[in-house]
Amino acid sequence: MESGKKIIVGLNSFRSGSETATPAFRINDNIRQVQIEKLQSLKSGRDDERVANCLKKIWLHATNNQNLMPVVIEAVENFCTLGEISDILRSVFGEYK
């Protein structure tokens, strides 16, 4: 590679003349607050009984080794959050570490 027989673009060939540091990506903290407010609004406007039933169905399907996709779609259509669905699945299948 150092001899130049094998060309690696940007490493030993076709390099730009100046090395510039890429600026760090900063996220505005207001986005976090907006997302929290949206989540609170979603949870306050949904039918809690239907959400609980959907999450119970997911748990039952997961523990009985049944197809999860139909019940997950139903849960999402009834405004279950990704976190709630993931928590149920983690409680059944565990978490890879």
N, C-alpha and C. Protein backbone atom coordinates (compact mmCIF):
# COMPACT_ATOMS: atom_id res chain seq x y z
N MET A 1 0.83 -1.18 0.00
CA MET A 1 0.00 0.00 0.00
C MET A 1 0.89 1.25 0.00
N GLU A 2 1.92 1.26 0.83
CA GLU A 2 2.78 2.44 0.91
C GLU A 2 3.54 2.67 -0.39
N SER A 3 3.86 1.59 -1.11
CA SER A 3 4.62 1.73 -2.35
C SER A 3 3.77 2.32 -3.46
N GLY A 4 2.45 2.28 -3.31
CA GLY A 4 1.56 2.84 -4.31
C GLY A 4 1.10 1.83 -5.34
N LYS A 5 1.50 0.56 -5.20
CA LYS A 5 1.07 -0.46 -6.14
C LYS A 5 -0.43 -0.75 -5.99
N LYS A 6 -0.89 -0.70 -4.77
CA LYS A 6 -2.31 -0.87 -4.52
C LYS A 6 -2.89 0.50 -4.18
N ILE A 7 -3.81 0.97 -5.00
CA ILE A 7 -4.35 2.32 -4.81
C ILE A 7 -5.59 2.26 -3.93
N ILE A 8 -5.56 3.06 -2.88
CA ILE A 8 -6.71 3.24 -2.01
C ILE A 8 -7.03 4.73 -2.02
N VAL A 9 -8.16 5.04 -2.65
CA VAL A 9 -8.54 6.44 -2.85
C VAL A 9 -8.69 7.12 -1.49
N GLY A 10 -8.03 8.27 -1.36
CA GLY A 10 -8.10 9.07 -0.14
C GLY A 10 -7.07 8.69 0.89
N LEU A 11 -6.45 7.51 0.76
CA LEU A 11 -5.45 7.09 1.72
C LEU A 11 -4.04 7.26 1.15
N ASN A 12 -3.78 6.65 0.01
CA ASN A 12 -2.45 6.80 -0.60
C ASN A 12 -2.52 7.41 -1.99
N SER A 13 -3.71 7.76 -2.44
CA SER A 13 -3.85 8.37 -3.76
C SER A 13 -5.10 9.24 -3.78
N PHE A 14 -5.07 10.26 -4.60
CA PHE A 14 -6.20 11.19 -4.77
C PHE A 14 -6.61 11.84 -3.44
N ARG A 15 -5.64 12.26 -2.68
CA ARG A 15 -5.90 12.91 -1.40
C ARG A 15 -6.08 14.39 -1.63
N SER A 16 -6.91 15.01 -0.82
CA SER A 16 -7.08 16.46 -0.90
C SER A 16 -5.88 17.12 -0.22
N GLY A 17 -5.62 18.31 -0.62
CA GLY A 17 -4.45 19.01 -0.11
C GLY A 17 -4.54 19.41 1.35
N SER A 18 -5.74 19.67 1.83
CA SER A 18 -5.86 20.16 3.21
C SER A 18 -6.68 19.17 4.05
N GLU A 19 -6.26 19.00 5.26
CA GLU A 19 -6.99 18.15 6.20
C GLU A 19 -7.85 19.06 7.07
N THR A 20 -9.15 18.92 6.97
CA THR A 20 -10.06 19.74 7.78
C THR A 20 -10.82 18.83 8.74
N ALA A 21 -10.98 19.31 9.92
CA ALA A 21 -11.73 18.56 10.93
C ALA A 21 -13.22 18.70 10.67
N THR A 22 -13.93 17.62 10.73
CA THR A 22 -15.37 17.65 10.56
C THR A 22 -16.00 18.15 11.85
N PRO A 23 -16.85 19.17 11.75
CA PRO A 23 -17.47 19.69 12.98
C PRO A 23 -18.41 18.66 13.59
N ALA A 24 -18.48 18.65 14.91
CA ALA A 24 -19.35 17.73 15.63
C ALA A 24 -20.81 18.08 15.37
N PHE A 25 -21.64 17.06 15.24
CA PHE A 25 -23.06 17.25 15.03
C PHE A 25 -23.74 17.51 16.37
N ARG A 26 -24.39 18.63 16.47
CA ARG A 26 -25.07 19.00 17.71
C ARG A 26 -26.58 18.98 17.48
N ILE A 27 -27.30 18.38 18.42
CA ILE A 27 -28.75 18.33 18.34
C ILE A 27 -29.32 19.35 19.31
N ASN A 28 -30.24 20.13 18.80
CA ASN A 28 -30.90 21.14 19.61
C ASN A 28 -31.72 20.44 20.70
N ASP A 29 -31.55 20.83 21.94
CA ASP A 29 -32.24 20.19 23.06
C ASP A 29 -33.76 20.40 22.99
N ASN A 30 -34.21 21.40 22.23
CA ASN A 30 -35.65 21.62 22.11
C ASN A 30 -36.34 20.45 21.43
N ILE A 31 -35.62 19.72 20.57
CA ILE A 31 -36.19 18.57 19.88
C ILE A 31 -36.61 17.50 20.89
N ARG A 32 -35.78 17.29 21.90
CA ARG A 32 -36.11 16.31 22.94
C ARG A 32 -37.41 16.68 23.64
N GLN A 33 -37.56 17.95 23.99
CA GLN A 33 -38.77 18.41 24.68
C GLN A 33 -39.99 18.27 23.78
N VAL A 34 -39.86 18.57 22.50
CA VAL A 34 -40.98 18.44 21.56
C VAL A 34 -41.40 16.97 21.46
N GLN A 35 -40.44 16.05 21.39
CA GLN A 35 -40.76 14.63 21.31
C GLN A 35 -41.45 14.14 22.58
N ILE A 36 -41.01 14.61 23.74
CA ILE A 36 -41.66 14.24 25.01
C ILE A 36 -43.10 14.72 25.01
N GLU A 37 -43.34 15.92 24.55
CA GLU A 37 -44.70 16.47 24.51
C GLU A 37 -45.57 15.68 23.53
N LYS A 38 -45.02 15.29 22.39
CA LYS A 38 -45.77 14.49 21.42
C LYS A 38 -46.14 13.13 22.01
N LEU A 39 -45.20 12.51 22.73
CA LEU A 39 -45.46 11.21 23.34
C LEU A 39 -46.53 11.32 24.42
N GLN A 40 -46.46 12.37 25.23
CA GLN A 40 -47.48 12.57 26.26
C GLN A 40 -48.85 12.80 25.64
N SER A 41 -48.89 13.55 24.55
CA SER A 41 -50.15 13.80 23.85
C SER A 41 -50.72 12.52 23.27
N LEU A 42 -49.86 11.69 22.68
CA LEU A 42 -50.29 10.41 22.12
C LEU A 42 -50.88 9.52 23.21
N LYS A 43 -50.18 9.42 24.34
CA LYS A 43 -50.62 8.54 25.41
C LYS A 43 -51.91 9.04 26.06
N SER A 44 -52.12 10.34 26.10
CA SER A 44 -53.33 10.86 26.74
C SER A 44 -54.55 10.71 25.84
N GLY A 45 -54.34 10.58 24.53
CA GLY A 45 -55.46 10.51 23.61
C GLY A 45 -55.81 9.10 23.14
N ARG A 46 -55.21 8.08 23.70
CA ARG A 46 -55.47 6.72 23.24
C ARG A 46 -56.33 5.97 24.26
N ASP A 47 -56.89 4.86 23.82
CA ASP A 47 -57.72 4.01 24.68
C ASP A 47 -56.81 3.06 25.45
N ASP A 48 -56.63 3.31 26.74
CA ASP A 48 -55.69 2.54 27.56
C ASP A 48 -56.07 1.06 27.65
N GLU A 49 -57.35 0.76 27.63
CA GLU A 49 -57.79 -0.64 27.70
C GLU A 49 -57.39 -1.39 26.43
N ARG A 50 -57.55 -0.76 25.27
CA ARG A 50 -57.15 -1.39 24.01
C ARG A 50 -55.64 -1.58 23.95
N VAL A 51 -54.90 -0.59 24.46
CA VAL A 51 -53.44 -0.69 24.49
C VAL A 51 -53.03 -1.88 25.35
N ALA A 52 -53.62 -1.99 26.52
CA ALA A 52 -53.29 -3.10 27.42
C ALA A 52 -53.62 -4.45 26.78
N ASN A 53 -54.76 -4.53 26.09
CA ASN A 53 -55.13 -5.77 25.41
C ASN A 53 -54.16 -6.12 24.30
N CYS A 54 -53.74 -5.13 23.54
CA CYS A 54 -52.77 -5.36 22.46
C CYS A 54 -51.44 -5.84 23.01
N LEU A 55 -50.99 -5.24 24.08
CA LEU A 55 -49.72 -5.66 24.68
C LEU A 55 -49.82 -7.06 25.27
N LYS A 56 -50.98 -7.40 25.81
CA LYS A 56 -51.19 -8.75 26.34
C LYS A 56 -51.16 -9.77 25.21
N LYS A 57 -51.78 -9.42 24.06
CA LYS A 57 -51.75 -10.31 22.90
C LYS A 57 -50.33 -10.55 22.41
N ILE A 58 -49.53 -9.50 22.40
CA ILE A 58 -48.14 -9.65 21.98
C ILE A 58 -47.42 -10.61 22.92
N TRP A 59 -47.63 -10.44 24.21
CA TRP A 59 -47.00 -11.32 25.19
C TRP A 59 -47.44 -12.77 24.99
N LEU A 60 -48.74 -12.97 24.78
CA LEU A 60 -49.26 -14.32 24.58
C LEU A 60 -48.68 -14.97 23.31
N HIS A 61 -48.65 -14.22 22.22
CA HIS A 61 -48.10 -14.75 20.97
C HIS A 61 -46.61 -15.05 21.12
N ALA A 62 -45.91 -14.20 21.82
CA ALA A 62 -44.46 -14.41 21.99
C ALA A 62 -44.19 -15.63 22.86
N THR A 63 -44.96 -15.81 23.92
CA THR A 63 -44.72 -16.95 24.80
C THR A 63 -45.17 -18.28 24.18
N ASN A 64 -46.10 -18.22 23.22
CA ASN A 64 -46.59 -19.44 22.56
C ASN A 64 -45.93 -19.68 21.21
N ASN A 65 -44.89 -18.90 20.92
CA ASN A 65 -44.12 -19.06 19.68
C ASN A 65 -45.02 -18.95 18.44
N GLN A 66 -45.92 -17.97 18.45
CA GLN A 66 -46.82 -17.70 17.33
C GLN A 66 -46.31 -16.50 16.54
N ASN A 67 -46.89 -16.31 15.37
CA ASN A 67 -46.53 -15.18 14.51
C ASN A 67 -46.84 -13.86 15.22
N LEU A 68 -45.82 -13.03 15.38
CA LEU A 68 -45.99 -11.77 16.10
C LEU A 68 -46.45 -10.61 15.22
N MET A 69 -46.20 -10.71 13.93
CA MET A 69 -46.44 -9.55 13.07
C MET A 69 -47.89 -9.05 13.10
N PRO A 70 -48.91 -9.91 13.00
CA PRO A 70 -50.28 -9.37 13.03
C PRO A 70 -50.62 -8.63 14.33
N VAL A 71 -50.17 -9.16 15.45
CA VAL A 71 -50.49 -8.49 16.72
C VAL A 71 -49.66 -7.23 16.93
N VAL A 72 -48.45 -7.20 16.40
CA VAL A 72 -47.64 -5.99 16.50
C VAL A 72 -48.26 -4.89 15.63
N ILE A 73 -48.72 -5.25 14.44
CA ILE A 73 -49.39 -4.26 13.57
C ILE A 73 -50.64 -3.73 14.25
N GLU A 74 -51.42 -4.62 14.84
CA GLU A 74 -52.62 -4.19 15.57
C GLU A 74 -52.25 -3.25 16.72
N ALA A 75 -51.18 -3.57 17.43
CA ALA A 75 -50.75 -2.72 18.54
C ALA A 75 -50.35 -1.33 18.05
N VAL A 76 -49.62 -1.27 16.96
CA VAL A 76 -49.21 0.03 16.43
C VAL A 76 -50.43 0.82 15.96
N GLU A 77 -51.38 0.14 15.34
CA GLU A 77 -52.61 0.83 14.90
C GLU A 77 -53.42 1.36 16.07
N ASN A 78 -53.23 0.76 17.25
CA ASN A 78 -53.93 1.23 18.46
C ASN A 78 -53.03 2.11 19.33
N PHE A 79 -51.98 2.64 18.74
CA PHE A 79 -51.09 3.63 19.35
C PHE A 79 -50.23 3.12 20.49
N CYS A 80 -49.86 1.84 20.46
CA CYS A 80 -48.84 1.35 21.39
C CYS A 80 -47.51 1.90 20.91
N THR A 81 -46.65 2.27 21.83
CA THR A 81 -45.36 2.83 21.45
C THR A 81 -44.35 1.74 21.20
N LEU A 82 -43.31 2.08 20.48
CA LEU A 82 -42.23 1.14 20.21
C LEU A 82 -41.60 0.68 21.52
N GLY A 83 -41.46 1.58 22.46
CA GLY A 83 -40.90 1.22 23.77
C GLY A 83 -41.74 0.20 24.50
N GLU A 84 -43.06 0.36 24.47
CA GLU A 84 -43.95 -0.58 25.15
C GLU A 84 -43.90 -1.96 24.50
N ILE A 85 -43.90 -1.98 23.17
CA ILE A 85 -43.82 -3.25 22.45
C ILE A 85 -42.47 -3.92 22.71
N SER A 86 -41.41 -3.15 22.66
CA SER A 86 -40.06 -3.68 22.89
C SER A 86 -39.92 -4.23 24.32
N ASP A 87 -40.50 -3.54 25.29
CA ASP A 87 -40.42 -4.01 26.68
C ASP A 87 -41.09 -5.38 26.83
N ILE A 88 -42.23 -5.58 26.17
CA ILE A 88 -42.91 -6.88 26.23
C ILE A 88 -42.03 -7.96 25.61
N LEU A 89 -41.47 -7.67 24.44
CA LEU A 89 -40.65 -8.66 23.75
C LEU A 89 -39.37 -8.96 24.54
N ARG A 90 -38.78 -7.95 25.17
CA ARG A 90 -37.60 -8.18 26.01
C ARG A 90 -37.94 -9.04 27.22
N SER A 91 -39.15 -8.84 27.78
CA SER A 91 -39.53 -9.63 28.95
C SER A 91 -39.68 -11.11 28.59
N VAL A 92 -40.04 -11.41 27.35
CA VAL A 92 -40.20 -12.81 26.93
C VAL A 92 -38.89 -13.40 26.42
N PHE A 93 -38.22 -12.69 25.52
CA PHE A 93 -37.05 -13.24 24.83
C PHE A 93 -35.73 -12.85 25.48
N GLY A 94 -35.74 -11.87 26.35
CA GLY A 94 -34.49 -11.40 26.95
C GLY A 94 -33.79 -10.40 26.05
N GLU A 95 -32.58 -10.08 26.42
CA GLU A 95 -31.81 -9.07 25.69
C GLU A 95 -30.41 -9.57 25.46
N TYR A 96 -29.94 -9.46 24.24
CA TYR A 96 -28.58 -9.89 23.90
C TYR A 96 -27.59 -8.87 24.40
N LYS A 97 -26.56 -9.32 25.08
CA LYS A 97 -25.55 -8.38 25.60
C LYS A 97 -24.19 -8.78 25.14
